[in-house]
Amino acid sequence: MSGEMIESLADIWPMQAELNKRAGFDTGALGEALRSAEADGTLPDEGGLRTEIGRAVKNYIDAMASECHELQECLSWKHWYREAKEGRQYELQDVQNARVEATDMLFFLISICQLLGLAPGDLFRLYAQKLGINHKRQDEDRSQAEHASHEDENREVV
């Protein structure tokens, strides 16, 4: 670990960008290119930067999915094993490893955010807005069957 003090997402952002650059994706530069192209109206409707960023996002989605699977392996989730038969299905078996797997997911979430041109403040702002929508959805007692008809609410989150 580097000797740098980490106290906030703002501290983590540049360290994650540097780690990603070492691993083959310059998430910081790609995110900045996206923001710049959006600002000056040069973002293509298809291909080019959209494809380059999409390829990187797909890699990080796959990595995050793998971490989700590793976190799931910390649980007794298989219905045919003894734990389930004893009423302990979904029991958390390996707390420490679960914590590390959740942290690994943060690495990939930050990487995806960087690719999409999000800074820590943007993430907090979007979270606050989406939190309001999620509370509204619960307050309205919506069903999963209605989900697709409410996706336009996400486009209002800016």
C-alpha atoms as a PDB file:
ATOM      1  CA  MET A   1       0.000   0.000   0.000  1.00  0.00           C
ATOM      2  CA  SER A   2       1.152   3.511  -0.651  1.00  0.00           C
ATOM      3  CA  GLY A   3       1.969   5.695   2.332  1.00  0.00           C
ATOM      4  CA  GLU A   4      -0.699   8.215   1.352  1.00  0.00           C
ATOM      5  CA  MET A   5      -3.432   9.117   3.827  1.00  0.00           C
ATOM      6  CA  ILE A   6      -6.870   8.070   2.587  1.00  0.00           C
ATOM      7  CA  GLU A   7      -9.769   9.933   4.165  1.00  0.00           C
ATOM      8  CA  SER A   8     -12.325  10.346   1.381  1.00  0.00           C
ATOM      9  CA  LEU A   9     -13.334   9.288  -2.103  1.00  0.00           C
ATOM     10  CA  ALA A  10     -11.494  12.353  -3.366  1.00  0.00           C
ATOM     11  CA  ASP A  11      -8.288  10.810  -1.991  1.00  0.00           C
ATOM     12  CA  ILE A  12      -9.018   7.449  -3.605  1.00  0.00           C
ATOM     13  CA  TRP A  13      -9.922   8.758  -7.076  1.00  0.00           C
ATOM     14  CA  PRO A  14      -6.400   9.623  -8.330  1.00  0.00           C
ATOM     15  CA  MET A  15      -4.881   6.495  -6.780  1.00  0.00           C
ATOM     16  CA  GLN A  16      -7.434   4.315  -8.557  1.00  0.00           C
ATOM     17  CA  ALA A  17      -6.824   6.137 -11.842  1.00  0.00           C
ATOM     18  CA  GLU A  18      -3.083   5.493 -11.506  1.00  0.00           C
ATOM     19  CA  LEU A  19      -3.634   1.813 -10.685  1.00  0.00           C
ATOM     20  CA  ASN A  20      -5.945   1.467 -13.693  1.00  0.00           C
ATOM     21  CA  LYS A  21      -3.419   3.166 -15.958  1.00  0.00           C
ATOM     22  CA  ARG A  22      -0.777   0.662 -14.848  1.00  0.00           C
ATOM     23  CA  ALA A  23      -3.214  -2.167 -15.615  1.00  0.00           C
ATOM     24  CA  GLY A  24      -4.010  -0.963 -19.135  1.00  0.00           C
ATOM     25  CA  PHE A  25      -6.973   1.421 -19.010  1.00  0.00           C
ATOM     26  CA  ASP A  26      -6.407   5.130 -18.488  1.00  0.00           C
ATOM     27  CA  THR A  27      -9.788   5.658 -16.817  1.00  0.00           C
ATOM     28  CA  GLY A  28      -8.954   9.227 -15.828  1.00  0.00           C
ATOM     29  CA  ALA A  29      -8.020  10.288 -19.357  1.00  0.00           C
ATOM     30  CA  LEU A  30     -10.951   8.466 -20.949  1.00  0.00           C
ATOM     31  CA  GLY A  31     -13.410  10.045 -18.514  1.00  0.00           C
ATOM     32  CA  GLU A  32     -11.945  13.477 -19.144  1.00  0.00           C
ATOM     33  CA  ALA A  33     -12.163  12.905 -22.905  1.00  0.00           C
ATOM     34  CA  LEU A  34     -15.832  11.987 -22.498  1.00  0.00           C
ATOM     35  CA  ARG A  35     -16.622  15.086 -20.455  1.00  0.00           C
ATOM     36  CA  SER A  36     -14.716  17.291 -22.895  1.00  0.00           C
ATOM     37  CA  ALA A  37     -16.442  15.801 -25.948  1.00  0.00           C
ATOM     38  CA  GLU A  38     -19.827  16.250 -24.287  1.00  0.00           C
ATOM     39  CA  ALA A  39     -19.030  19.856 -23.368  1.00  0.00           C
ATOM     40  CA  ASP A  40     -17.864  20.872 -26.828  1.00  0.00           C
ATOM     41  CA  GLY A  41     -20.433  18.819 -28.747  1.00  0.00           C
ATOM     42  CA  THR A  42     -17.934  16.475 -30.401  1.00  0.00           C
ATOM     43  CA  LEU A  43     -19.065  13.199 -28.791  1.00  0.00           C
ATOM     44  CA  PRO A  44     -19.961  10.919 -31.695  1.00  0.00           C
ATOM     45  CA  ASP A  45     -23.402   9.326 -31.774  1.00  0.00           C
ATOM     46  CA  GLU A  46     -21.700   5.972 -32.170  1.00  0.00           C
ATOM     47  CA  GLY A  47     -18.270   4.372 -32.356  1.00  0.00           C
ATOM     48  CA  GLY A  48     -14.986   6.039 -31.486  1.00  0.00           C
ATOM     49  CA  LEU A  49     -14.765   7.215 -27.893  1.00  0.00           C
ATOM     50  CA  ARG A  50     -18.104   5.598 -27.038  1.00  0.00           C
ATOM     51  CA  THR A  51     -16.742   2.195 -28.106  1.00  0.00           C
ATOM     52  CA  GLU A  52     -13.398   2.685 -26.394  1.00  0.00           C
ATOM     53  CA  ILE A  53     -15.059   3.614 -23.108  1.00  0.00           C
ATOM     54  CA  GLY A  54     -17.681   0.888 -23.537  1.00  0.00           C
ATOM     55  CA  ARG A  55     -14.954  -1.736 -23.933  1.00  0.00           C
ATOM     56  CA  ALA A  56     -13.312  -0.599 -20.709  1.00  0.00           C
ATOM     57  CA  VAL A  57     -16.655  -0.399 -18.864  1.00  0.00           C
ATOM     58  CA  LYS A  58     -17.427  -3.975 -19.964  1.00  0.00           C
ATOM     59  CA  ASN A  59     -14.095  -5.165 -18.569  1.00  0.00           C
ATOM     60  CA  TYR A  60     -14.804  -3.512 -15.221  1.00  0.00           C
ATOM     61  CA  ILE A  61     -18.385  -4.825 -15.154  1.00  0.00           C
ATOM     62  CA  ASP A  62     -17.046  -8.340 -15.676  1.00  0.00           C
ATOM     63  CA  ALA A  63     -14.471  -7.825 -12.924  1.00  0.00           C
ATOM     64  CA  MET A  64     -17.115  -6.479 -10.551  1.00  0.00           C
ATOM     65  CA  ALA A  65     -19.412  -9.410 -11.333  1.00  0.00           C
ATOM     66  CA  SER A  66     -16.567 -11.745 -10.451  1.00  0.00           C
ATOM     67  CA  GLU A  67     -16.120  -9.966  -7.123  1.00  0.00           C
ATOM     68  CA  CYS A  68     -19.872 -10.286  -6.489  1.00  0.00           C
ATOM     69  CA  HIS A  69     -19.567 -14.007  -7.086  1.00  0.00           C
ATOM     70  CA  GLU A  70     -16.594 -14.196  -4.710  1.00  0.00           C
ATOM     71  CA  LEU A  71     -18.644 -12.363  -2.081  1.00  0.00           C
ATOM     72  CA  GLN A  72     -21.509 -14.789  -2.602  1.00  0.00           C
ATOM     73  CA  GLU A  73     -19.090 -17.641  -1.936  1.00  0.00           C
ATOM     74  CA  CYS A  74     -18.722 -16.238   1.603  1.00  0.00           C
ATOM     75  CA  LEU A  75     -22.349 -17.287   2.183  1.00  0.00           C
ATOM     76  CA  SER A  76     -23.980 -20.677   2.653  1.00  0.00           C
ATOM     77  CA  TRP A  77     -26.288 -20.056  -0.295  1.00  0.00           C
ATOM     78  CA  LYS A  78     -26.647 -23.503  -1.834  1.00  0.00           C
ATOM     79  CA  HIS A  79     -29.995 -24.988  -0.890  1.00  0.00           C
ATOM     80  CA  TRP A  80     -28.777 -28.598  -0.999  1.00  0.00           C
ATOM     81  CA  TYR A  81     -26.051 -28.300   1.633  1.00  0.00           C
ATOM     82  CA  ARG A  82     -26.319 -29.052   5.343  1.00  0.00           C
ATOM     83  CA  GLU A  83     -26.432 -25.367   6.330  1.00  0.00           C
ATOM     84  CA  ALA A  84     -29.678 -24.918   4.393  1.00  0.00           C
ATOM     85  CA  LYS A  85     -31.138 -28.094   5.806  1.00  0.00           C
ATOM     86  CA  GLU A  86     -30.297 -26.796   9.290  1.00  0.00           C
ATOM     87  CA  GLY A  87     -32.056 -23.495   8.594  1.00  0.00           C
ATOM     88  CA  ARG A  88     -28.797 -21.602   8.108  1.00  0.00           C
ATOM     89  CA  GLN A  89     -29.021 -20.921   4.372  1.00  0.00           C
ATOM     90  CA  TYR A  90     -27.438 -17.563   3.559  1.00  0.00           C
ATOM     91  CA  GLU A  91     -25.358 -17.616   6.738  1.00  0.00           C
ATOM     92  CA  LEU A  92     -22.270 -15.440   6.376  1.00  0.00           C
ATOM     93  CA  GLN A  93     -19.353 -17.860   6.709  1.00  0.00           C
ATOM     94  CA  ASP A  94     -16.250 -15.752   6.085  1.00  0.00           C
ATOM     95  CA  VAL A  95     -16.744 -12.228   7.406  1.00  0.00           C
ATOM     96  CA  GLN A  96     -13.206 -10.978   6.755  1.00  0.00           C
ATOM     97  CA  ASN A  97     -13.087 -12.211   3.175  1.00  0.00           C
ATOM     98  CA  ALA A  98     -16.568 -10.762   2.570  1.00  0.00           C
ATOM     99  CA  ARG A  99     -15.252  -7.360   3.647  1.00  0.00           C
ATOM    100  CA  VAL A 100     -12.323  -7.622   1.249  1.00  0.00           C
ATOM    101  CA  GLU A 101     -14.561  -8.719  -1.636  1.00  0.00           C
ATOM    102  CA  ALA A 102     -16.872  -5.743  -0.985  1.00  0.00           C
ATOM    103  CA  THR A 103     -13.808  -3.483  -1.039  1.00  0.00           C
ATOM    104  CA  ASP A 104     -12.697  -5.053  -4.320  1.00  0.00           C
ATOM    105  CA  MET A 105     -16.085  -4.102  -5.770  1.00  0.00           C
ATOM    106  CA  LEU A 106     -15.361  -0.498  -4.783  1.00  0.00           C
ATOM    107  CA  PHE A 107     -12.192  -0.565  -6.904  1.00  0.00           C
ATOM    108  CA  PHE A 108     -14.249  -1.461  -9.962  1.00  0.00           C
ATOM    109  CA  LEU A 109     -17.108   0.903  -9.159  1.00  0.00           C
ATOM    110  CA  ILE A 110     -14.681   3.811  -8.930  1.00  0.00           C
ATOM    111  CA  SER A 111     -13.075   2.719 -12.209  1.00  0.00           C
ATOM    112  CA  ILE A 112     -16.447   2.685 -13.970  1.00  0.00           C
ATOM    113  CA  CYS A 113     -17.315   6.091 -12.511  1.00  0.00           C
ATOM    114  CA  GLN A 114     -14.022   7.483 -13.799  1.00  0.00           C
ATOM    115  CA  LEU A 115     -14.692   6.112 -17.286  1.00  0.00           C
ATOM    116  CA  LEU A 116     -18.078   7.817 -17.264  1.00  0.00           C
ATOM    117  CA  GLY A 117     -16.469  11.128 -16.368  1.00  0.00           C
ATOM    118  CA  LEU A 118     -17.734  11.201 -12.787  1.00  0.00           C
ATOM    119  CA  ALA A 119     -15.811  12.837  -9.966  1.00  0.00           C
ATOM    120  CA  PRO A 120     -16.482  11.999  -6.302  1.00  0.00           C
ATOM    121  CA  GLY A 121     -18.772  15.025  -5.934  1.00  0.00           C
ATOM    122  CA  ASP A 122     -20.768  13.911  -8.963  1.00  0.00           C
ATOM    123  CA  LEU A 123     -21.241  10.483  -7.435  1.00  0.00           C
ATOM    124  CA  PHE A 124     -22.496  11.967  -4.163  1.00  0.00           C
ATOM    125  CA  ARG A 125     -24.877  14.293  -6.027  1.00  0.00           C
ATOM    126  CA  LEU A 126     -26.256  11.503  -8.215  1.00  0.00           C
ATOM    127  CA  TYR A 127     -26.589   9.224  -5.204  1.00  0.00           C
ATOM    128  CA  ALA A 128     -28.624  11.820  -3.327  1.00  0.00           C
ATOM    129  CA  GLN A 129     -30.977  12.286  -6.273  1.00  0.00           C
ATOM    130  CA  LYS A 130     -31.373   8.554  -6.894  1.00  0.00           C
ATOM    131  CA  LEU A 131     -31.942   7.981  -3.169  1.00  0.00           C
ATOM    132  CA  GLY A 132     -34.946  10.296  -3.394  1.00  0.00           C
ATOM    133  CA  ILE A 133     -36.312   8.303  -6.330  1.00  0.00           C
ATOM    134  CA  ASN A 134     -35.783   5.011  -4.506  1.00  0.00           C
ATOM    135  CA  HIS A 135     -37.623   6.286  -1.434  1.00  0.00           C
ATOM    136  CA  LYS A 136     -40.456   7.485  -3.675  1.00  0.00           C
ATOM    137  CA  ARG A 137     -40.642   4.062  -5.311  1.00  0.00           C
ATOM    138  CA  GLN A 138     -40.909   2.369  -1.932  1.00  0.00           C
ATOM    139  CA  ASP A 139     -43.420   4.917  -0.655  1.00  0.00           C
ATOM    140  CA  GLU A 140     -45.586   4.184  -3.686  1.00  0.00           C
ATOM    141  CA  ASP A 141     -45.343   0.426  -3.030  1.00  0.00           C
ATOM    142  CA  ARG A 142     -44.387  -0.300  -6.609  1.00  0.00           C
ATOM    143  CA  SER A 143     -44.116  -3.808  -7.958  1.00  0.00           C
ATOM    144  CA  GLN A 144     -41.265  -5.293  -9.941  1.00  0.00           C
ATOM    145  CA  ALA A 145     -43.638  -5.727 -12.878  1.00  0.00           C
ATOM    146  CA  GLU A 146     -43.919  -1.921 -13.052  1.00  0.00           C
ATOM    147  CA  HIS A 147     -40.152  -1.359 -13.040  1.00  0.00           C
ATOM    148  CA  ALA A 148     -39.617  -0.815 -16.773  1.00  0.00           C
ATOM    149  CA  SER A 149     -42.322   1.835 -16.909  1.00  0.00           C
ATOM    150  CA  HIS A 150     -40.478   3.908 -14.300  1.00  0.00           C
ATOM    151  CA  GLU A 151     -36.981   3.902 -15.819  1.00  0.00           C
ATOM    152  CA  ASP A 152     -37.526   7.403 -17.225  1.00  0.00           C
ATOM    153  CA  GLU A 153     -37.082   8.670 -13.662  1.00  0.00           C
ATOM    154  CA  ASN A 154     -33.386   7.800 -14.008  1.00  0.00           C
ATOM    155  CA  ARG A 155     -33.048  10.241 -16.884  1.00  0.00           C
ATOM    156  CA  GLU A 156     -34.101  13.024 -14.523  1.00  0.00           C
ATOM    157  CA  VAL A 157     -31.052  12.336 -12.326  1.00  0.00           C
ATOM    158  CA  VAL A 158     -28.402  14.806 -13.471  1.00  0.00           C
END
